[in-house]
PDB file of N, CA and C in Angstrom:
ATOM      1  N   MET A   1      16.124  -3.815   8.867  1.00  0.00           N
ATOM      2  CA  MET A   1      14.985  -3.892   9.767  1.00  0.00           C
ATOM      3  C   MET A   1      14.013  -4.930   9.220  1.00  0.00           C
ATOM      4  N   SER A   2      13.537  -5.849  10.043  1.00  0.00           N
ATOM      5  CA  SER A   2      12.615  -6.882   9.573  1.00  0.00           C
ATOM      6  C   SER A   2      11.190  -6.333   9.470  1.00  0.00           C
ATOM      7  N   ARG A   3      10.411  -7.018   8.705  1.00  0.00           N
ATOM      8  CA  ARG A   3       9.029  -6.578   8.495  1.00  0.00           C
ATOM      9  C   ARG A   3       8.245  -6.595   9.786  1.00  0.00           C
ATOM     10  N   ASN A   4       7.319  -5.651   9.899  1.00  0.00           N
ATOM     11  CA  ASN A   4       6.474  -5.556  11.077  1.00  0.00           C
ATOM     12  C   ASN A   4       5.494  -6.723  11.079  1.00  0.00           C
ATOM     13  N   ALA A   5       5.361  -7.411  12.193  1.00  0.00           N
ATOM     14  CA  ALA A   5       4.506  -8.593  12.281  1.00  0.00           C
ATOM     15  C   ALA A   5       3.042  -8.293  11.980  1.00  0.00           C
ATOM     16  N   GLN A   6       2.640  -7.044  12.073  1.00  0.00           N
ATOM     17  CA  GLN A   6       1.259  -6.699  11.763  1.00  0.00           C
ATOM     18  C   GLN A   6       0.954  -6.858  10.282  1.00  0.00           C
ATOM     19  N   PHE A   7       1.974  -6.859   9.449  1.00  0.00           N
ATOM     20  CA  PHE A   7       1.763  -6.873   8.005  1.00  0.00           C
ATOM     21  C   PHE A   7       2.176  -8.181   7.377  1.00  0.00           C
ATOM     22  N   ALA A   8       3.304  -8.688   7.733  1.00  0.00           N
ATOM     23  CA  ALA A   8       3.791  -9.934   7.165  1.00  0.00           C
ATOM     24  C   ALA A   8       4.902 -10.485   8.043  1.00  0.00           C
ATOM     25  N   LYS A   9       5.043 -11.775   8.036  1.00  0.00           N
ATOM     26  CA  LYS A   9       6.166 -12.387   8.714  1.00  0.00           C
ATOM     27  C   LYS A   9       7.353 -12.328   7.768  1.00  0.00           C
ATOM     28  N   PRO A  10       8.561 -12.296   8.292  1.00  0.00           N
ATOM     29  CA  PRO A  10       9.730 -12.213   7.408  1.00  0.00           C
ATOM     30  C   PRO A  10       9.671 -13.278   6.316  1.00  0.00           C
ATOM     31  N   GLY A  11       9.908 -12.828   5.090  1.00  0.00           N
ATOM     32  CA  GLY A  11       9.907 -13.738   3.955  1.00  0.00           C
ATOM     33  C   GLY A  11       8.545 -13.976   3.330  1.00  0.00           C
ATOM     34  N   LEU A  12       7.498 -13.480   3.947  1.00  0.00           N
ATOM     35  CA  LEU A  12       6.155 -13.657   3.395  1.00  0.00           C
ATOM     36  C   LEU A  12       5.655 -12.350   2.803  1.00  0.00           C
ATOM     37  N   ALA A  13       4.682 -12.458   1.943  1.00  0.00           N
ATOM     38  CA  ALA A  13       4.133 -11.298   1.248  1.00  0.00           C
ATOM     39  C   ALA A  13       3.389 -10.364   2.203  1.00  0.00           C
ATOM     40  N   LEU A  14       3.347  -9.086   1.822  1.00  0.00           N
ATOM     41  CA  LEU A  14       2.519  -8.112   2.531  1.00  0.00           C
ATOM     42  C   LEU A  14       1.058  -8.460   2.289  1.00  0.00           C
ATOM     43  N   THR A  15       0.170  -7.981   3.143  1.00  0.00           N
ATOM     44  CA  THR A  15      -1.245  -8.163   2.863  1.00  0.00           C
ATOM     45  C   THR A  15      -1.592  -7.375   1.604  1.00  0.00           C
ATOM     46  N   ALA A  16      -2.660  -7.768   0.938  1.00  0.00           N
ATOM     47  CA  ALA A  16      -3.084  -7.074  -0.285  1.00  0.00           C
ATOM     48  C   ALA A  16      -3.382  -5.611   0.001  1.00  0.00           C
ATOM     49  N   ALA A  17      -4.051  -5.332   1.114  1.00  0.00           N
ATOM     50  CA  ALA A  17      -4.398  -3.944   1.442  1.00  0.00           C
ATOM     51  C   ALA A  17      -3.142  -3.094   1.612  1.00  0.00           C
ATOM     52  N   VAL A  18      -2.183  -3.576   2.371  1.00  0.00           N
ATOM     53  CA  VAL A  18      -0.949  -2.821   2.603  1.00  0.00           C
ATOM     54  C   VAL A  18      -0.184  -2.649   1.298  1.00  0.00           C
ATOM     55  N   PHE A  19      -0.099  -3.698   0.495  1.00  0.00           N
ATOM     56  CA  PHE A  19       0.594  -3.606  -0.787  1.00  0.00           C
ATOM     57  C   PHE A  19      -0.017  -2.508  -1.656  1.00  0.00           C
ATOM     58  N   TYR A  20      -1.330  -2.506  -1.812  1.00  0.00           N
ATOM     59  CA  TYR A  20      -1.969  -1.515  -2.681  1.00  0.00           C
ATOM     60  C   TYR A  20      -1.901  -0.098  -2.112  1.00  0.00           C
ATOM     61  N   VAL A  21      -1.923   0.045  -0.794  1.00  0.00           N
ATOM     62  CA  VAL A  21      -1.753   1.380  -0.206  1.00  0.00           C
ATOM     63  C   VAL A  21      -0.331   1.880  -0.510  1.00  0.00           C
ATOM     64  N   LEU A  22       0.663   1.033  -0.312  1.00  0.00           N
ATOM     65  CA  LEU A  22       2.044   1.427  -0.624  1.00  0.00           C
ATOM     66  C   LEU A  22       2.180   1.778  -2.101  1.00  0.00           C
ATOM     67  N   LEU A  23       1.580   0.959  -2.957  1.00  0.00           N
ATOM     68  CA  LEU A  23       1.652   1.214  -4.391  1.00  0.00           C
ATOM     69  C   LEU A  23       1.010   2.552  -4.741  1.00  0.00           C
ATOM     70  N   SER A  24      -0.140   2.839  -4.150  1.00  0.00           N
ATOM     71  CA  SER A  24      -0.821   4.107  -4.443  1.00  0.00           C
ATOM     72  C   SER A  24       0.022   5.305  -4.021  1.00  0.00           C
ATOM     73  N   LEU A  25       0.696   5.194  -2.886  1.00  0.00           N
ATOM     74  CA  LEU A  25       1.507   6.304  -2.389  1.00  0.00           C
ATOM     75  C   LEU A  25       2.869   6.386  -3.078  1.00  0.00           C
ATOM     76  N   SER A  26       3.264   5.328  -3.795  1.00  0.00           N
ATOM     77  CA  SER A  26       4.514   5.394  -4.550  1.00  0.00           C
ATOM     78  C   SER A  26       4.352   6.269  -5.789  1.00  0.00           C
ATOM     79  N   ILE A  27       3.119   6.482  -6.194  1.00  0.00           N
ATOM     80  CA  ILE A  27       2.819   7.288  -7.378  1.00  0.00           C
ATOM     81  C   ILE A  27       2.702   8.757  -7.011  1.00  0.00           C
ATOM     82  N   LYS A  28       1.968   9.020  -5.915  1.00  0.00           N
ATOM     83  CA  LYS A  28       1.813  10.392  -5.443  1.00  0.00           C
ATOM     84  C   LYS A  28       1.252  10.397  -4.028  1.00  0.00           C
ATOM     85  N   GLU A  29       1.361  11.530  -3.372  1.00  0.00           N
ATOM     86  CA  GLU A  29       0.773  11.709  -2.044  1.00  0.00           C
ATOM     87  C   GLU A  29      -0.735  11.757  -2.211  1.00  0.00           C
ATOM     88  N   ARG A  30      -1.453  11.175  -1.262  1.00  0.00           N
ATOM     89  CA  ARG A  30      -2.915  11.095  -1.378  1.00  0.00           C
ATOM     90  C   ARG A  30      -3.579  11.225  -0.015  1.00  0.00           C
ATOM     91  N   HIS A  31      -4.863  11.580  -0.043  1.00  0.00           N
ATOM     92  CA  HIS A  31      -5.661  11.545   1.180  1.00  0.00           C
ATOM     93  C   HIS A  31      -6.387  10.203   1.237  1.00  0.00           C
ATOM     94  N   GLY A  32      -6.942   9.888   2.391  1.00  0.00           N
ATOM     95  CA  GLY A  32      -7.528   8.582   2.639  1.00  0.00           C
ATOM     96  C   GLY A  32      -8.533   8.111   1.602  1.00  0.00           C
ATOM     97  N   TYR A  33      -9.503   8.951   1.264  1.00  0.00           N
ATOM     98  CA  TYR A  33     -10.537   8.537   0.311  1.00  0.00           C
ATOM     99  C   TYR A  33      -9.932   8.282  -1.059  1.00  0.00           C
ATOM    100  N   GLU A  34      -8.942   9.078  -1.427  1.00  0.00           N
ATOM    101  CA  GLU A  34      -8.270   8.883  -2.712  1.00  0.00           C
ATOM    102  C   GLU A  34      -7.514   7.541  -2.722  1.00  0.00           C
ATOM    103  N   ILE A  35      -6.916   7.176  -1.605  1.00  0.00           N
ATOM    104  CA  ILE A  35      -6.249   5.876  -1.486  1.00  0.00           C
ATOM    105  C   ILE A  35      -7.276   4.765  -1.646  1.00  0.00           C
ATOM    106  N   LEU A  36      -8.394   4.882  -0.956  1.00  0.00           N
ATOM    107  CA  LEU A  36      -9.455   3.879  -1.021  1.00  0.00           C
ATOM    108  C   LEU A  36      -9.897   3.651  -2.463  1.00  0.00           C
ATOM    109  N   LYS A  37     -10.126   4.712  -3.202  1.00  0.00           N
ATOM    110  CA  LYS A  37     -10.560   4.618  -4.600  1.00  0.00           C
ATOM    111  C   LYS A  37      -9.471   4.006  -5.474  1.00  0.00           C
ATOM    112  N   TYR A  38      -8.215   4.392  -5.254  1.00  0.00           N
ATOM    113  CA  TYR A  38      -7.099   3.831  -6.019  1.00  0.00           C
ATOM    114  C   TYR A  38      -7.031   2.319  -5.814  1.00  0.00           C
ATOM    115  N   VAL A  39      -7.084   1.888  -4.563  1.00  0.00           N
ATOM    116  CA  VAL A  39      -6.972   0.461  -4.253  1.00  0.00           C
ATOM    117  C   VAL A  39      -8.075  -0.319  -4.954  1.00  0.00           C
ATOM    118  N   GLU A  40      -9.285   0.145  -4.851  1.00  0.00           N
ATOM    119  CA  GLU A  40     -10.401  -0.569  -5.480  1.00  0.00           C
ATOM    120  C   GLU A  40     -10.240  -0.624  -6.996  1.00  0.00           C
ATOM    121  N   ALA A  41      -9.903   0.489  -7.616  1.00  0.00           N
ATOM    122  CA  ALA A  41      -9.790   0.538  -9.079  1.00  0.00           C
ATOM    123  C   ALA A  41      -8.606  -0.270  -9.593  1.00  0.00           C
ATOM    124  N   ASN A  42      -7.473  -0.186  -8.929  1.00  0.00           N
ATOM    125  CA  ASN A  42      -6.264  -0.820  -9.441  1.00  0.00           C
ATOM    126  C   ASN A  42      -6.099  -2.269  -9.013  1.00  0.00           C
ATOM    127  N   SER A  43      -6.952  -2.737  -8.134  1.00  0.00           N
ATOM    128  CA  SER A  43      -6.964  -4.166  -7.812  1.00  0.00           C
ATOM    129  C   SER A  43      -8.093  -4.845  -8.585  1.00  0.00           C
ATOM    130  N   ASP A  44      -8.680  -4.115  -9.527  1.00  0.00           N
ATOM    131  CA  ASP A  44      -9.823  -4.612 -10.309  1.00  0.00           C
ATOM    132  C   ASP A  44     -10.955  -5.064  -9.389  1.00  0.00           C
ATOM    133  N   GLY A  45     -11.115  -4.353  -8.291  1.00  0.00           N
ATOM    134  CA  GLY A  45     -12.198  -4.644  -7.351  1.00  0.00           C
ATOM    135  C   GLY A  45     -11.931  -5.819  -6.434  1.00  0.00           C
ATOM    136  N   ARG A  46     -10.764  -6.438  -6.543  1.00  0.00           N
ATOM    137  CA  ARG A  46     -10.447  -7.603  -5.697  1.00  0.00           C
ATOM    138  C   ARG A  46     -10.189  -7.215  -4.249  1.00  0.00           C
ATOM    139  N   VAL A  47      -9.687  -5.991  -4.054  1.00  0.00           N
ATOM    140  CA  VAL A  47      -9.430  -5.501  -2.695  1.00  0.00           C
ATOM    141  C   VAL A  47     -10.359  -4.324  -2.468  1.00  0.00           C
ATOM    142  N   ARG A  48     -11.290  -4.503  -1.569  1.00  0.00           N
ATOM    143  CA  ARG A  48     -12.230  -3.433  -1.230  1.00  0.00           C
ATOM    144  C   ARG A  48     -12.054  -3.099   0.242  1.00  0.00           C
ATOM    145  N   LEU A  49     -11.719  -1.860   0.477  1.00  0.00           N
ATOM    146  CA  LEU A  49     -11.503  -1.404   1.848  1.00  0.00           C
ATOM    147  C   LEU A  49     -12.643  -0.497   2.260  1.00  0.00           C
ATOM    148  N   GLY A  50     -13.296  -0.832   3.337  1.00  0.00           N
ATOM    149  CA  GLY A  50     -14.245   0.100   3.910  1.00  0.00           C
ATOM    150  C   GLY A  50     -13.464   1.162   4.665  1.00  0.00           C
ATOM    151  N   PRO A  51     -14.108   2.259   5.011  1.00  0.00           N
ATOM    152  CA  PRO A  51     -13.399   3.329   5.727  1.00  0.00           C
ATOM    153  C   PRO A  51     -12.743   2.858   7.028  1.00  0.00           C
ATOM    154  N   GLY A  52     -13.420   2.020   7.791  1.00  0.00           N
ATOM    155  CA  GLY A  52     -12.848   1.541   9.049  1.00  0.00           C
ATOM    156  C   GLY A  52     -11.583   0.737   8.841  1.00  0.00           C
ATOM    157  N   THR A  53     -11.622  -0.172   7.873  1.00  0.00           N
ATOM    158  CA  THR A  53     -10.449  -0.992   7.555  1.00  0.00           C
ATOM    159  C   THR A  53      -9.313  -0.123   7.021  1.00  0.00           C
ATOM    160  N   LEU A  54      -9.652   0.809   6.138  1.00  0.00           N
ATOM    161  CA  LEU A  54      -8.633   1.683   5.571  1.00  0.00           C
ATOM    162  C   LEU A  54      -7.919   2.468   6.666  1.00  0.00           C
ATOM    163  N   TYR A  55      -8.667   3.127   7.526  1.00  0.00           N
ATOM    164  CA  TYR A  55      -8.030   3.983   8.524  1.00  0.00           C
ATOM    165  C   TYR A  55      -7.307   3.179   9.607  1.00  0.00           C
ATOM    166  N   THR A  56      -7.768   1.964   9.900  1.00  0.00           N
ATOM    167  CA  THR A  56      -7.022   1.085  10.804  1.00  0.00           C
ATOM    168  C   THR A  56      -5.709   0.681  10.160  1.00  0.00           C
ATOM    169  N   THR A  57      -5.747   0.333   8.869  1.00  0.00           N
ATOM    170  CA  THR A  57      -4.544  -0.037   8.132  1.00  0.00           C
ATOM    171  C   THR A  57      -3.572   1.133   8.069  1.00  0.00           C
ATOM    172  N   LEU A  58      -4.076   2.325   7.756  1.00  0.00           N
ATOM    173  CA  LEU A  58      -3.208   3.508   7.704  1.00  0.00           C
ATOM    174  C   LEU A  58      -2.558   3.777   9.058  1.00  0.00           C
ATOM    175  N   LYS A  59      -3.303   3.641  10.134  1.00  0.00           N
ATOM    176  CA  LYS A  59      -2.755   3.865  11.482  1.00  0.00           C
ATOM    177  C   LYS A  59      -1.631   2.879  11.764  1.00  0.00           C
ATOM    178  N   ARG A  60      -1.836   1.625  11.430  1.00  0.00           N
ATOM    179  CA  ARG A  60      -0.805   0.610  11.654  1.00  0.00           C
ATOM    180  C   ARG A  60       0.421   0.874  10.788  1.00  0.00           C
ATOM    181  N   MET A  61       0.189   1.321   9.558  1.00  0.00           N
ATOM    182  CA  MET A  61       1.300   1.633   8.665  1.00  0.00           C
ATOM    183  C   MET A  61       2.078   2.849   9.160  1.00  0.00           C
ATOM    184  N   LEU A  62       1.370   3.838   9.710  1.00  0.00           N
ATOM    185  CA  LEU A  62       2.043   4.997  10.318  1.00  0.00           C
ATOM    186  C   LEU A  62       2.904   4.545  11.496  1.00  0.00           C
ATOM    187  N   ASP A  63       2.335   3.708  12.364  1.00  0.00           N
ATOM    188  CA  ASP A  63       3.052   3.217  13.536  1.00  0.00           C
ATOM    189  C   ASP A  63       4.281   2.399  13.148  1.00  0.00           C
ATOM    190  N   ALA A  64       4.201   1.683  12.021  1.00  0.00           N
ATOM    191  CA  ALA A  64       5.316   0.849  11.562  1.00  0.00           C
ATOM    192  C   ALA A  64       6.342   1.641  10.762  1.00  0.00           C
ATOM    193  N   GLY A  65       6.055   2.914  10.484  1.00  0.00           N
ATOM    194  CA  GLY A  65       6.994   3.739   9.740  1.00  0.00           C
ATOM    195  C   GLY A  65       6.986   3.509   8.238  1.00  0.00           C
ATOM    196  N   LEU A  66       5.934   2.874   7.724  1.00  0.00           N
ATOM    197  CA  LEU A  66       5.845   2.632   6.283  1.00  0.00           C
ATOM    198  C   LEU A  66       5.370   3.867   5.526  1.00  0.00           C
ATOM    199  N   ILE A  67       4.588   4.694   6.192  1.00  0.00           N
ATOM    200  CA  ILE A  67       4.061   5.926   5.605  1.00  0.00           C
ATOM    201  C   ILE A  67       4.172   7.036   6.641  1.00  0.00           C
ATOM    202  N   SER A  68       3.997   8.256   6.186  1.00  0.00           N
ATOM    203  CA  SER A  68       3.944   9.379   7.123  1.00  0.00           C
ATOM    204  C   SER A  68       2.820  10.317   6.693  1.00  0.00           C
ATOM    205  N   GLU A  69       2.365  11.080   7.649  1.00  0.00           N
ATOM    206  CA  GLU A  69       1.297  12.036   7.371  1.00  0.00           C
ATOM    207  C   GLU A  69       1.918  13.358   6.955  1.00  0.00           C
ATOM    208  N   LEU A  70       1.354  13.968   5.939  1.00  0.00           N
ATOM    209  CA  LEU A  70       1.831  15.270   5.470  1.00  0.00           C
ATOM    210  C   LEU A  70       1.280  16.372   6.360  1.00  0.00           C
ATOM    211  N   MET A  71       2.119  17.301   6.680  1.00  0.00           N
ATOM    212  CA  MET A  71       1.666  18.458   7.440  1.00  0.00           C
ATOM    213  C   MET A  71       1.302  19.611   6.504  1.00  0.00           C
ATOM    214  N   ASP A  72       1.953  19.666   5.338  1.00  0.00           N
ATOM    215  CA  ASP A  72       1.607  20.688   4.343  1.00  0.00           C
ATOM    216  C   ASP A  72       0.282  20.309   3.696  1.00  0.00           C
ATOM    217  N   ARG A  73      -0.566  21.297   3.525  1.00  0.00           N
ATOM    218  CA  ARG A  73      -1.900  21.041   2.972  1.00  0.00           C
ATOM    219  C   ARG A  73      -2.085  21.842   1.697  1.00  0.00           C
ATOM    220  N   PRO A  74      -2.992  21.369   0.850  1.00  0.00           N
ATOM    221  CA  PRO A  74      -3.321  22.154  -0.348  1.00  0.00           C
ATOM    222  C   PRO A  74      -3.951  23.490   0.043  1.00  0.00           C
ATOM    223  N   GLU A  75      -4.073  24.351  -0.934  1.00  0.00           N
ATOM    224  CA  GLU A  75      -4.720  25.645  -0.693  1.00  0.00           C
ATOM    225  C   GLU A  75      -6.125  25.397  -0.142  1.00  0.00           C
ATOM    226  N   PRO A  76      -6.568  26.212   0.828  1.00  0.00           N
ATOM    227  CA  PRO A  76      -7.854  25.975   1.493  1.00  0.00           C
ATOM    228  C   PRO A  76      -9.046  25.808   0.541  1.00  0.00           C
ATOM    229  N   GLU A  77      -9.060  26.534  -0.564  1.00  0.00           N
ATOM    230  CA  GLU A  77     -10.192  26.413  -1.483  1.00  0.00           C
ATOM    231  C   GLU A  77     -10.178  25.090  -2.253  1.00  0.00           C
ATOM    232  N   LYS A  78      -9.039  24.365  -2.213  1.00  0.00           N
ATOM    233  CA  LYS A  78      -8.924  23.080  -2.894  1.00  0.00           C
ATOM    234  C   LYS A  78      -8.898  21.918  -1.903  1.00  0.00           C
ATOM    235  N   ASP A  79      -9.204  22.200  -0.652  1.00  0.00           N
ATOM    236  CA  ASP A  79      -9.032  21.200   0.394  1.00  0.00           C
ATOM    237  C   ASP A  79     -10.257  21.113   1.283  1.00  0.00           C
ATOM    238  N   ASP A  80     -10.423  19.956   1.888  1.00  0.00           N
ATOM    239  CA  ASP A  80     -11.413  19.742   2.938  1.00  0.00           C
ATOM    240  C   ASP A  80     -10.602  19.571   4.222  1.00  0.00           C
ATOM    241  N   PRO A  81     -10.834  20.384   5.235  1.00  0.00           N
ATOM    242  CA  PRO A  81      -9.998  20.329   6.447  1.00  0.00           C
ATOM    243  C   PRO A  81     -10.052  18.986   7.180  1.00  0.00           C
ATOM    244  N   ARG A  82     -11.040  18.162   6.878  1.00  0.00           N
ATOM    245  CA  ARG A  82     -11.130  16.847   7.523  1.00  0.00           C
ATOM    246  C   ARG A  82     -10.163  15.831   6.925  1.00  0.00           C
ATOM    247  N   ARG A  83      -9.658  16.106   5.746  1.00  0.00           N
ATOM    248  CA  ARG A  83      -8.768  15.157   5.067  1.00  0.00           C
ATOM    249  C   ARG A  83      -7.401  15.093   5.741  1.00  0.00           C
ATOM    250  N   ARG A  84      -6.846  13.881   5.721  1.00  0.00           N
ATOM    251  CA  ARG A  84      -5.469  13.663   6.155  1.00  0.00           C
ATOM    252  C   ARG A  84      -4.724  13.136   4.945  1.00  0.00           C
ATOM    253  N   TYR A  85      -3.561  13.694   4.697  1.00  0.00           N
ATOM    254  CA  TYR A  85      -2.761  13.335   3.535  1.00  0.00           C
ATOM    255  C   TYR A  85      -1.563  12.492   3.966  1.00  0.00           C
ATOM    256  N   TYR A  86      -1.212  11.513   3.122  1.00  0.00           N
ATOM    257  CA  TYR A  86      -0.153  10.572   3.445  1.00  0.00           C
ATOM    258  C   TYR A  86       0.866  10.499   2.320  1.00  0.00           C
ATOM    259  N   LYS A  87       2.104  10.109   2.704  1.00  0.00           N
ATOM    260  CA  LYS A  87       3.147   9.878   1.712  1.00  0.00           C
ATOM    261  C   LYS A  87       3.919   8.631   2.116  1.00  0.00           C
ATOM    262  N   LEU A  88       4.596   8.057   1.147  1.00  0.00           N
ATOM    263  CA  LEU A  88       5.406   6.879   1.363  1.00  0.00           C
ATOM    264  C   LEU A  88       6.690   7.282   2.081  1.00  0.00           C
ATOM    265  N   SER A  89       7.084   6.531   3.083  1.00  0.00           N
ATOM    266  CA  SER A  89       8.347   6.784   3.790  1.00  0.00           C
ATOM    267  C   SER A  89       9.456   5.987   3.112  1.00  0.00           C
ATOM    268  N   PRO A  90      10.703   6.282   3.432  1.00  0.00           N
ATOM    269  CA  PRO A  90      11.797   5.466   2.883  1.00  0.00           C
ATOM    270  C   PRO A  90      11.640   3.976   3.234  1.00  0.00           C
ATOM    271  N   ARG A  91      11.201   3.681   4.431  1.00  0.00           N
ATOM    272  CA  ARG A  91      10.982   2.277   4.813  1.00  0.00           C
ATOM    273  C   ARG A  91       9.858   1.671   3.977  1.00  0.00           C
ATOM    274  N   GLY A  92       8.786   2.438   3.758  1.00  0.00           N
ATOM    275  CA  GLY A  92       7.689   1.955   2.928  1.00  0.00           C
ATOM    276  C   GLY A  92       8.140   1.675   1.507  1.00  0.00           C
ATOM    277  N   GLN A  93       8.996   2.565   0.973  1.00  0.00           N
ATOM    278  CA  GLN A  93       9.543   2.374  -0.375  1.00  0.00           C
ATOM    279  C   GLN A  93      10.363   1.090  -0.426  1.00  0.00           C
ATOM    280  N   ALA A  94      11.168   0.841   0.611  1.00  0.00           N
ATOM    281  CA  ALA A  94      11.986  -0.373   0.660  1.00  0.00           C
ATOM    282  C   ALA A  94      11.111  -1.620   0.735  1.00  0.00           C
ATOM    283  N   GLU A  95      10.069  -1.581   1.548  1.00  0.00           N
ATOM    284  CA  GLU A  95       9.166  -2.735   1.670  1.00  0.00           C
ATOM    285  C   GLU A  95       8.440  -2.998   0.354  1.00  0.00           C
ATOM    286  N   LEU A  96       7.999  -1.930  -0.314  1.00  0.00           N
ATOM    287  CA  LEU A  96       7.330  -2.088  -1.600  1.00  0.00           C
ATOM    288  C   LEU A  96       8.300  -2.680  -2.616  1.00  0.00           C
ATOM    289  N   GLY A  97       9.522  -2.181  -2.650  1.00  0.00           N
ATOM    290  CA  GLY A  97      10.531  -2.718  -3.561  1.00  0.00           C
ATOM    291  C   GLY A  97      10.797  -4.191  -3.310  1.00  0.00           C
ATOM    292  N   ALA A  98      10.899  -4.571  -2.044  1.00  0.00           N
ATOM    293  CA  ALA A  98      11.129  -5.974  -1.691  1.00  0.00           C
ATOM    294  C   ALA A  98       9.953  -6.838  -2.131  1.00  0.00           C
ATOM    295  N   GLU A  99       8.756  -6.328  -1.940  1.00  0.00           N
ATOM    296  CA  GLU A  99       7.556  -7.077  -2.332  1.00  0.00           C
ATOM    297  C   GLU A  99       7.495  -7.253  -3.852  1.00  0.00           C
ATOM    298  N   LEU A 100       7.785  -6.196  -4.596  1.00  0.00           N
ATOM    299  CA  LEU A 100       7.771  -6.285  -6.058  1.00  0.00           C
ATOM    300  C   LEU A 100       8.848  -7.251  -6.547  1.00  0.00           C
ATOM    301  N   SER A 101      10.011  -7.240  -5.918  1.00  0.00           N
ATOM    302  CA  SER A 101      11.083  -8.170  -6.274  1.00  0.00           C
ATOM    303  C   SER A 101      10.649  -9.614  -6.022  1.00  0.00           C
ATOM    304  N   HIS A 102      10.009  -9.822  -4.879  1.00  0.00           N
ATOM    305  CA  HIS A 102       9.496 -11.151  -4.532  1.00  0.00           C
ATOM    306  C   HIS A 102       8.468 -11.613  -5.584  1.00  0.00           C
ATOM    307  N   MET A 103       7.585 -10.722  -6.003  1.00  0.00           N
ATOM    308  CA  MET A 103       6.582 -11.068  -7.010  1.00  0.00           C
ATOM    309  C   MET A 103       7.234 -11.400  -8.353  1.00  0.00           C
ATOM    310  N   GLN A 104       8.231 -10.607  -8.742  1.00  0.00           N
ATOM    311  CA  GLN A 104       8.931 -10.866 -10.007  1.00  0.00           C
ATOM    312  C   GLN A 104       9.614 -12.234  -9.986  1.00  0.00           C
ATOM    313  N   HIS A 105      10.238 -12.547  -8.862  1.00  0.00           N
ATOM    314  CA  HIS A 105      10.891 -13.841  -8.713  1.00  0.00           C
ATOM    315  C   HIS A 105       9.872 -14.976  -8.823  1.00  0.00           C
ATOM    316  N   ALA A 106       8.736 -14.822  -8.158  1.00  0.00           N
ATOM    317  CA  ALA A 106       7.694 -15.852  -8.202  1.00  0.00           C
ATOM    318  C   ALA A 106       7.162 -16.042  -9.620  1.00  0.00           C
ATOM    319  N   LEU A 107       6.965 -14.939 -10.346  1.00  0.00           N
ATOM    320  CA  LEU A 107       6.490 -15.041 -11.726  1.00  0.00           C
ATOM    321  C   LEU A 107       7.518 -15.733 -12.619  1.00  0.00           C
ATOM    322  N   LYS A 108       8.793 -15.404 -12.417  1.00  0.00           N
ATOM    323  CA  LYS A 108       9.852 -16.040 -13.206  1.00  0.00           C
ATOM    324  C   LYS A 108       9.884 -17.545 -12.931  1.00  0.00           C
ATOM    325  N   LEU A 109       9.779 -17.905 -11.668  1.00  0.00           N
ATOM    326  CA  LEU A 109       9.784 -19.313 -11.285  1.00  0.00           C
ATOM    327  C   LEU A 109       8.572 -20.036 -11.878  1.00  0.00           C
ATOM    328  N   ALA A 110       7.412 -19.417 -11.803  1.00  0.00           N
ATOM    329  CA  ALA A 110       6.202 -20.025 -12.352  1.00  0.00           C
ATOM    330  C   ALA A 110       6.331 -20.212 -13.866  1.00  0.00           C
ATOM    331  N   GLY A 111       6.945 -19.231 -14.543  1.00  0.00           N
ATOM    332  CA  GLY A 111       7.153 -19.337 -15.989  1.00  0.00           C
ATOM    333  C   GLY A 111       8.079 -20.492 -16.336  1.00  0.00           C
ATOM    334  N   LYS A 112       9.140 -20.670 -15.559  1.00  0.00           N
ATOM    335  CA  LYS A 112      10.072 -21.773 -15.787  1.00  0.00           C
ATOM    336  C   LYS A 112       9.394 -23.118 -15.594  1.00  0.00           C
ATOM    337  N   ARG A 113       8.468 -23.164 -14.690  1.00  0.00           N
ATOM    338  CA  ARG A 113       7.772 -24.415 -14.376  1.00  0.00           C
ATOM    339  C   ARG A 113       6.489 -24.577 -15.204  1.00  0.00           C
ATOM    340  N   ARG A 114       6.254 -23.586 -16.063  1.00  0.00           N
ATOM    341  CA  ARG A 114       5.066 -23.566 -16.935  1.00  0.00           C
ATOM    342  C   ARG A 114       3.764 -23.641 -16.149  1.00  0.00           C
ATOM    343  N   VAL A 115       3.751 -22.948 -15.029  1.00  0.00           N
ATOM    344  CA  VAL A 115       2.540 -22.858 -14.209  1.00  0.00           C
ATOM    345  C   VAL A 115       1.626 -21.846 -14.865  1.00  0.00           C
ATOM    346  N   ARG A 116       0.372 -22.146 -15.011  1.00  0.00           N
ATOM    347  CA  ARG A 116      -0.600 -21.248 -15.636  1.00  0.00           C
ATOM    348  C   ARG A 116      -1.657 -20.862 -14.613  1.00  0.00           C
ATOM    349  N   ALA A 117      -2.008 -19.588 -14.626  1.00  0.00           N
ATOM    350  CA  ALA A 117      -3.078 -19.107 -13.743  1.00  0.00           C
ATOM    351  C   ALA A 117      -4.406 -19.539 -14.324  1.00  0.00           C
ATOM    352  N   SER A 118      -5.299 -19.976 -13.463  1.00  0.00           N
ATOM    353  CA  SER A 118      -6.641 -20.336 -13.925  1.00  0.00           C
ATOM    354  C   SER A 118      -7.512 -19.093 -13.875  1.00  0.00           C
ATOM    355  N   THR A 119      -8.396 -18.956 -14.839  1.00  0.00           N
ATOM    356  CA  THR A 119      -9.280 -17.781 -14.892  1.00  0.00           C
ATOM    357  C   THR A 119     -10.692 -18.149 -14.610  1.00  0.00           C
TER     358      THR A 119
END
């Protein structure tokens, strides 16, 4: 199945927001606010998602089959009923794997060519 045009054209990288959401859900199932915090912290603040952007991105990812919403909820005393919980789908796992492979290849190529990142 080819990549959904909302995220990337075939052969091109996923958007930073989608990549970090997939990465966060590859570690564990999370609710929206927890995803938002993960993305900000693990992108070193380079990717900042406001609530509107986050939930629009999650909706598009749900529609594309990259993630799914969990129906099982934590115990009521440990949960806020307004929260929605998400998990990575098999398609999302495949897309994340493809993206990581693409990044590894690019880094290897850059190393061979002695390309240095500027800071």
